[in-house]
Amino acid sequence: MMITRNLPVIFLVLVAMFGSIGIRASATDTPRAIAALGVAGETLDAGLHDRVEMLLRTDVGLAGSQFRIQTDNAVVTIAGSVPDELSLRRAMELAGSVKGVREVRNAMEIGYPKL
């Protein structure tokens, strides 16, 4: 009988404990939290650079494209050349899909095949 009376209290305590864990984990994904990392932001930028580069270089639809990627405070700038507008859009979408990227800037050129 004592257990059944305390069950709602135990349940509320568990919800409060585990609920706050989820809130803390997601708080580091906000742009303000990313900017507050300071020196650790350089490590974050290096990781973003590597993930974006891997995605772009391994995407079959972007074969033949050349990329130069820069990251600064979770802002990714993609330079280089792509064969067409569709490839340009694809590269921008892929880079933007990487968790932690706040913005993607385009510095790519569309290179037409030489005759």
N, C-alpha and C. Protein backbone atom coordinates (compact mmCIF):
# COMPACT_ATOMS: atom_id res chain seq x y z
N MET A 1 0.81 -1.18 0.00
CA MET A 1 0.00 0.00 0.00
C MET A 1 0.87 1.26 0.00
N MET A 2 1.95 1.23 0.75
CA MET A 2 2.85 2.36 0.81
C MET A 2 3.51 2.59 -0.55
N ILE A 3 3.81 1.52 -1.26
CA ILE A 3 4.44 1.62 -2.58
C ILE A 3 3.51 2.28 -3.57
N THR A 4 2.25 1.90 -3.58
CA THR A 4 1.31 2.48 -4.54
C THR A 4 1.06 3.96 -4.26
N ARG A 5 1.15 4.40 -3.02
CA ARG A 5 0.97 5.82 -2.70
C ARG A 5 2.18 6.64 -3.16
N ASN A 6 3.35 6.04 -3.10
CA ASN A 6 4.57 6.75 -3.49
C ASN A 6 4.88 6.63 -4.98
N LEU A 7 4.19 5.78 -5.68
CA LEU A 7 4.45 5.56 -7.09
C LEU A 7 4.33 6.85 -7.93
N PRO A 8 3.27 7.66 -7.75
CA PRO A 8 3.21 8.91 -8.53
C PRO A 8 4.37 9.85 -8.23
N VAL A 9 4.81 9.90 -7.00
CA VAL A 9 5.94 10.76 -6.62
C VAL A 9 7.21 10.27 -7.29
N ILE A 10 7.44 8.96 -7.25
CA ILE A 10 8.61 8.38 -7.89
C ILE A 10 8.58 8.66 -9.39
N PHE A 11 7.43 8.51 -9.99
CA PHE A 11 7.28 8.76 -11.42
C PHE A 11 7.64 10.21 -11.75
N LEU A 12 7.13 11.16 -10.99
CA LEU A 12 7.42 12.57 -11.23
C LEU A 12 8.91 12.89 -11.06
N VAL A 13 9.54 12.29 -10.08
CA VAL A 13 10.97 12.50 -9.87
C VAL A 13 11.77 11.98 -11.06
N LEU A 14 11.42 10.79 -11.54
CA LEU A 14 12.11 10.22 -12.70
C LEU A 14 11.92 11.07 -13.95
N VAL A 15 10.69 11.54 -14.17
CA VAL A 15 10.43 12.39 -15.34
C VAL A 15 11.25 13.67 -15.25
N ALA A 16 11.30 14.27 -14.08
CA ALA A 16 12.07 15.50 -13.91
C ALA A 16 13.56 15.27 -14.16
N MET A 17 14.08 14.14 -13.67
CA MET A 17 15.51 13.85 -13.84
C MET A 17 15.84 13.62 -15.30
N PHE A 18 15.10 12.74 -15.96
CA PHE A 18 15.42 12.41 -17.33
C PHE A 18 15.01 13.50 -18.31
N GLY A 19 14.00 14.25 -17.99
CA GLY A 19 13.60 15.38 -18.83
C GLY A 19 14.66 16.45 -18.87
N SER A 20 15.29 16.73 -17.74
CA SER A 20 16.32 17.77 -17.71
C SER A 20 17.57 17.33 -18.45
N ILE A 21 17.84 16.04 -18.50
CA ILE A 21 18.98 15.55 -19.27
C ILE A 21 18.79 15.87 -20.74
N GLY A 22 17.61 15.64 -21.27
CA GLY A 22 17.33 15.94 -22.67
C GLY A 22 17.44 17.41 -22.98
N ILE A 23 17.00 18.25 -22.07
CA ILE A 23 17.08 19.70 -22.29
C ILE A 23 18.52 20.16 -22.32
N ARG A 24 19.34 19.65 -21.43
CA ARG A 24 20.74 20.03 -21.42
C ARG A 24 21.45 19.60 -22.69
N ALA A 25 21.16 18.41 -23.18
CA ALA A 25 21.82 17.92 -24.38
C ALA A 25 21.48 18.78 -25.58
N SER A 26 20.24 19.21 -25.70
CA SER A 26 19.86 20.01 -26.87
C SER A 26 20.30 21.45 -26.74
N ALA A 27 20.61 21.92 -25.55
CA ALA A 27 21.02 23.31 -25.37
C ALA A 27 22.34 23.60 -26.06
N THR A 28 23.19 22.61 -26.26
CA THR A 28 24.47 22.84 -26.91
C THR A 28 24.35 22.92 -28.42
N ASP A 29 23.18 22.66 -28.99
CA ASP A 29 22.99 22.73 -30.43
C ASP A 29 22.56 24.12 -30.90
N THR A 30 22.28 25.03 -30.01
CA THR A 30 21.83 26.35 -30.41
C THR A 30 23.00 27.18 -30.91
N PRO A 31 22.76 28.09 -31.86
CA PRO A 31 23.84 28.94 -32.37
C PRO A 31 24.54 29.73 -31.26
N ARG A 32 23.79 30.22 -30.30
CA ARG A 32 24.39 30.99 -29.21
C ARG A 32 25.35 30.11 -28.41
N ALA A 33 24.96 28.87 -28.15
CA ALA A 33 25.84 27.96 -27.40
C ALA A 33 27.09 27.63 -28.21
N ILE A 34 26.91 27.47 -29.51
CA ILE A 34 28.06 27.17 -30.38
C ILE A 34 29.03 28.35 -30.37
N ALA A 35 28.50 29.57 -30.48
CA ALA A 35 29.36 30.75 -30.48
C ALA A 35 30.07 30.93 -29.15
N ALA A 36 29.45 30.50 -28.07
CA ALA A 36 30.04 30.66 -26.74
C ALA A 36 31.18 29.69 -26.49
N LEU A 37 31.38 28.76 -27.36
CA LEU A 37 32.42 27.76 -27.14
C LEU A 37 33.83 28.35 -27.26
N GLY A 38 34.00 29.47 -27.95
CA GLY A 38 35.30 30.11 -28.07
C GLY A 38 36.32 29.20 -28.73
N VAL A 39 37.40 28.92 -28.01
CA VAL A 39 38.47 28.09 -28.54
C VAL A 39 37.95 26.71 -28.91
N ALA A 40 37.03 26.20 -28.13
CA ALA A 40 36.45 24.90 -28.46
C ALA A 40 35.72 24.97 -29.79
N GLY A 41 35.31 26.18 -30.19
CA GLY A 41 34.65 26.38 -31.48
C GLY A 41 35.55 26.02 -32.64
N GLU A 42 36.86 26.22 -32.46
CA GLU A 42 37.80 25.84 -33.51
C GLU A 42 37.77 24.33 -33.73
N THR A 43 37.66 23.59 -32.65
CA THR A 43 37.55 22.13 -32.76
C THR A 43 36.24 21.77 -33.43
N LEU A 44 35.17 22.48 -33.07
CA LEU A 44 33.87 22.25 -33.69
C LEU A 44 33.95 22.54 -35.19
N ASP A 45 34.58 23.65 -35.56
CA ASP A 45 34.72 24.00 -36.97
C ASP A 45 35.50 22.93 -37.73
N ALA A 46 36.55 22.40 -37.12
CA ALA A 46 37.34 21.35 -37.77
C ALA A 46 36.48 20.11 -38.01
N GLY A 47 35.67 19.76 -37.03
CA GLY A 47 34.78 18.61 -37.18
C GLY A 47 33.73 18.84 -38.25
N LEU A 48 33.16 20.04 -38.28
CA LEU A 48 32.17 20.38 -39.32
C LEU A 48 32.81 20.32 -40.69
N HIS A 49 34.02 20.87 -40.80
CA HIS A 49 34.74 20.85 -42.08
C HIS A 49 34.90 19.43 -42.57
N ASP A 50 35.34 18.54 -41.69
CA ASP A 50 35.57 17.15 -42.08
C ASP A 50 34.27 16.46 -42.50
N ARG A 51 33.18 16.69 -41.76
CA ARG A 51 31.91 16.04 -42.09
C ARG A 51 31.35 16.56 -43.41
N VAL A 52 31.41 17.87 -43.62
CA VAL A 52 30.91 18.45 -44.87
C VAL A 52 31.75 17.95 -46.04
N GLU A 53 33.06 17.97 -45.88
CA GLU A 53 33.94 17.52 -46.95
C GLU A 53 33.67 16.06 -47.31
N MET A 54 33.50 15.21 -46.31
CA MET A 54 33.23 13.80 -46.57
C MET A 54 31.92 13.63 -47.35
N LEU A 55 30.88 14.35 -46.93
CA LEU A 55 29.59 14.26 -47.62
C LEU A 55 29.70 14.68 -49.08
N LEU A 56 30.36 15.80 -49.32
CA LEU A 56 30.45 16.32 -50.68
C LEU A 56 31.31 15.42 -51.57
N ARG A 57 32.41 14.94 -51.04
CA ARG A 57 33.33 14.14 -51.86
C ARG A 57 32.82 12.72 -52.12
N THR A 58 31.91 12.23 -51.29
CA THR A 58 31.42 10.86 -51.48
C THR A 58 30.05 10.80 -52.15
N ASP A 59 29.44 11.95 -52.42
CA ASP A 59 28.13 11.95 -53.07
C ASP A 59 28.29 11.68 -54.56
N VAL A 60 27.64 10.63 -55.04
CA VAL A 60 27.76 10.22 -56.44
C VAL A 60 27.29 11.33 -57.39
N GLY A 61 26.26 12.07 -56.99
CA GLY A 61 25.74 13.14 -57.84
C GLY A 61 26.68 14.32 -58.00
N LEU A 62 27.72 14.37 -57.19
CA LEU A 62 28.67 15.49 -57.25
C LEU A 62 30.02 15.07 -57.84
N ALA A 63 30.04 13.90 -58.48
CA ALA A 63 31.28 13.43 -59.10
C ALA A 63 31.75 14.45 -60.13
N GLY A 64 33.04 14.71 -60.16
CA GLY A 64 33.61 15.68 -61.09
C GLY A 64 33.64 17.10 -60.54
N SER A 65 33.06 17.30 -59.39
CA SER A 65 33.08 18.63 -58.76
C SER A 65 34.35 18.78 -57.94
N GLN A 66 34.78 20.01 -57.77
CA GLN A 66 35.96 20.30 -56.94
C GLN A 66 35.53 21.28 -55.86
N PHE A 67 35.90 20.98 -54.62
CA PHE A 67 35.46 21.80 -53.50
C PHE A 67 36.62 22.28 -52.65
N ARG A 68 36.49 23.50 -52.16
CA ARG A 68 37.34 24.05 -51.11
C ARG A 68 36.38 24.51 -50.02
N ILE A 69 36.53 23.96 -48.85
CA ILE A 69 35.57 24.21 -47.77
C ILE A 69 36.27 24.97 -46.65
N GLN A 70 35.60 26.01 -46.17
CA GLN A 70 36.08 26.77 -45.01
C GLN A 70 34.96 26.84 -43.99
N THR A 71 35.33 26.78 -42.72
CA THR A 71 34.34 26.93 -41.65
C THR A 71 34.82 27.98 -40.67
N ASP A 72 33.89 28.77 -40.19
CA ASP A 72 34.18 29.80 -39.20
C ASP A 72 32.93 30.01 -38.35
N ASN A 73 33.02 29.67 -37.07
CA ASN A 73 31.88 29.79 -36.16
C ASN A 73 30.64 29.08 -36.69
N ALA A 74 30.83 27.89 -37.20
CA ALA A 74 29.75 27.03 -37.72
C ALA A 74 29.12 27.55 -39.00
N VAL A 75 29.79 28.52 -39.66
CA VAL A 75 29.35 28.99 -40.97
C VAL A 75 30.28 28.34 -42.00
N VAL A 76 29.69 27.59 -42.93
CA VAL A 76 30.46 26.86 -43.93
C VAL A 76 30.42 27.62 -45.25
N THR A 77 31.60 27.86 -45.83
CA THR A 77 31.69 28.48 -47.15
C THR A 77 32.26 27.44 -48.09
N ILE A 78 31.53 27.20 -49.18
CA ILE A 78 31.97 26.21 -50.17
C ILE A 78 32.40 26.95 -51.42
N ALA A 79 33.66 26.77 -51.81
CA ALA A 79 34.20 27.33 -53.04
C ALA A 79 34.57 26.16 -53.94
N GLY A 80 34.90 26.45 -55.18
CA GLY A 80 35.29 25.42 -56.12
C GLY A 80 34.41 25.47 -57.35
N SER A 81 34.29 24.34 -58.02
CA SER A 81 33.48 24.31 -59.25
C SER A 81 32.61 23.06 -59.29
N VAL A 82 31.44 23.25 -59.87
CA VAL A 82 30.48 22.16 -60.07
C VAL A 82 30.04 22.21 -61.52
N PRO A 83 29.60 21.08 -62.07
CA PRO A 83 29.25 21.06 -63.50
C PRO A 83 27.95 21.79 -63.85
N ASP A 84 27.00 21.90 -62.91
CA ASP A 84 25.72 22.51 -63.25
C ASP A 84 25.01 23.05 -62.01
N GLU A 85 23.89 23.74 -62.25
CA GLU A 85 23.10 24.35 -61.17
C GLU A 85 22.57 23.29 -60.19
N LEU A 86 22.16 22.15 -60.70
CA LEU A 86 21.65 21.08 -59.85
C LEU A 86 22.72 20.61 -58.86
N SER A 87 23.94 20.47 -59.33
CA SER A 87 25.05 20.06 -58.46
C SER A 87 25.34 21.13 -57.41
N LEU A 88 25.24 22.38 -57.80
CA LEU A 88 25.45 23.48 -56.86
C LEU A 88 24.43 23.41 -55.73
N ARG A 89 23.16 23.25 -56.11
CA ARG A 89 22.10 23.16 -55.10
C ARG A 89 22.30 21.94 -54.20
N ARG A 90 22.69 20.83 -54.80
CA ARG A 90 22.90 19.59 -54.04
C ARG A 90 24.01 19.79 -53.01
N ALA A 91 25.10 20.41 -53.41
CA ALA A 91 26.21 20.66 -52.49
C ALA A 91 25.77 21.54 -51.33
N MET A 92 25.00 22.57 -51.62
CA MET A 92 24.52 23.48 -50.57
C MET A 92 23.59 22.75 -49.60
N GLU A 93 22.70 21.92 -50.14
CA GLU A 93 21.77 21.17 -49.29
C GLU A 93 22.50 20.17 -48.40
N LEU A 94 23.47 19.47 -48.97
CA LEU A 94 24.22 18.49 -48.18
C LEU A 94 24.98 19.17 -47.05
N ALA A 95 25.64 20.27 -47.36
CA ALA A 95 26.40 20.99 -46.32
C ALA A 95 25.46 21.49 -45.23
N GLY A 96 24.30 21.98 -45.61
CA GLY A 96 23.34 22.49 -44.64
C GLY A 96 22.71 21.40 -43.79
N SER A 97 22.78 20.17 -44.25
CA SER A 97 22.17 19.07 -43.50
C SER A 97 23.05 18.57 -42.36
N VAL A 98 24.29 19.00 -42.31
CA VAL A 98 25.21 18.56 -41.26
C VAL A 98 24.83 19.23 -39.95
N LYS A 99 24.63 18.43 -38.93
CA LYS A 99 24.24 18.96 -37.62
C LYS A 99 25.34 19.87 -37.09
N GLY A 100 24.93 21.05 -36.67
CA GLY A 100 25.87 22.03 -36.14
C GLY A 100 26.18 23.16 -37.10
N VAL A 101 25.88 22.96 -38.38
CA VAL A 101 26.10 24.02 -39.37
C VAL A 101 24.99 25.06 -39.23
N ARG A 102 25.38 26.32 -39.00
CA ARG A 102 24.40 27.40 -38.85
C ARG A 102 24.02 28.01 -40.19
N GLU A 103 24.98 28.09 -41.09
CA GLU A 103 24.74 28.77 -42.37
C GLU A 103 25.70 28.19 -43.40
N VAL A 104 25.26 28.17 -44.66
CA VAL A 104 26.11 27.73 -45.76
C VAL A 104 26.19 28.88 -46.76
N ARG A 105 27.41 29.26 -47.12
CA ARG A 105 27.62 30.33 -48.09
C ARG A 105 28.22 29.75 -49.36
N ASN A 106 27.75 30.27 -50.48
CA ASN A 106 28.17 29.77 -51.78
C ASN A 106 29.26 30.65 -52.38
N ALA A 107 30.39 30.03 -52.71
CA ALA A 107 31.45 30.70 -53.46
C ALA A 107 31.85 29.81 -54.63
N MET A 108 30.93 28.92 -55.04
CA MET A 108 31.22 27.98 -56.13
C MET A 108 30.93 28.62 -57.48
N GLU A 109 31.59 28.09 -58.49
CA GLU A 109 31.34 28.49 -59.86
C GLU A 109 30.82 27.29 -60.63
N ILE A 110 29.95 27.58 -61.57
CA ILE A 110 29.45 26.51 -62.44
C ILE A 110 30.39 26.45 -63.63
N GLY A 111 31.06 25.31 -63.77
CA GLY A 111 32.01 25.12 -64.87
C GLY A 111 31.37 24.32 -65.98
N TYR A 112 31.37 24.87 -67.16
CA TYR A 112 30.80 24.19 -68.32
C TYR A 112 31.84 23.28 -68.94
N PRO A 113 31.41 22.13 -69.46
CA PRO A 113 32.36 21.21 -70.10
C PRO A 113 33.04 21.88 -71.30
N LYS A 114 34.32 21.61 -71.45
CA LYS A 114 35.06 22.16 -72.59
C LYS A 114 34.80 21.31 -73.82
N LEU A 115 34.62 21.98 -74.94
CA LEU A 115 34.34 21.27 -76.20
C LEU A 115 35.59 20.77 -76.85
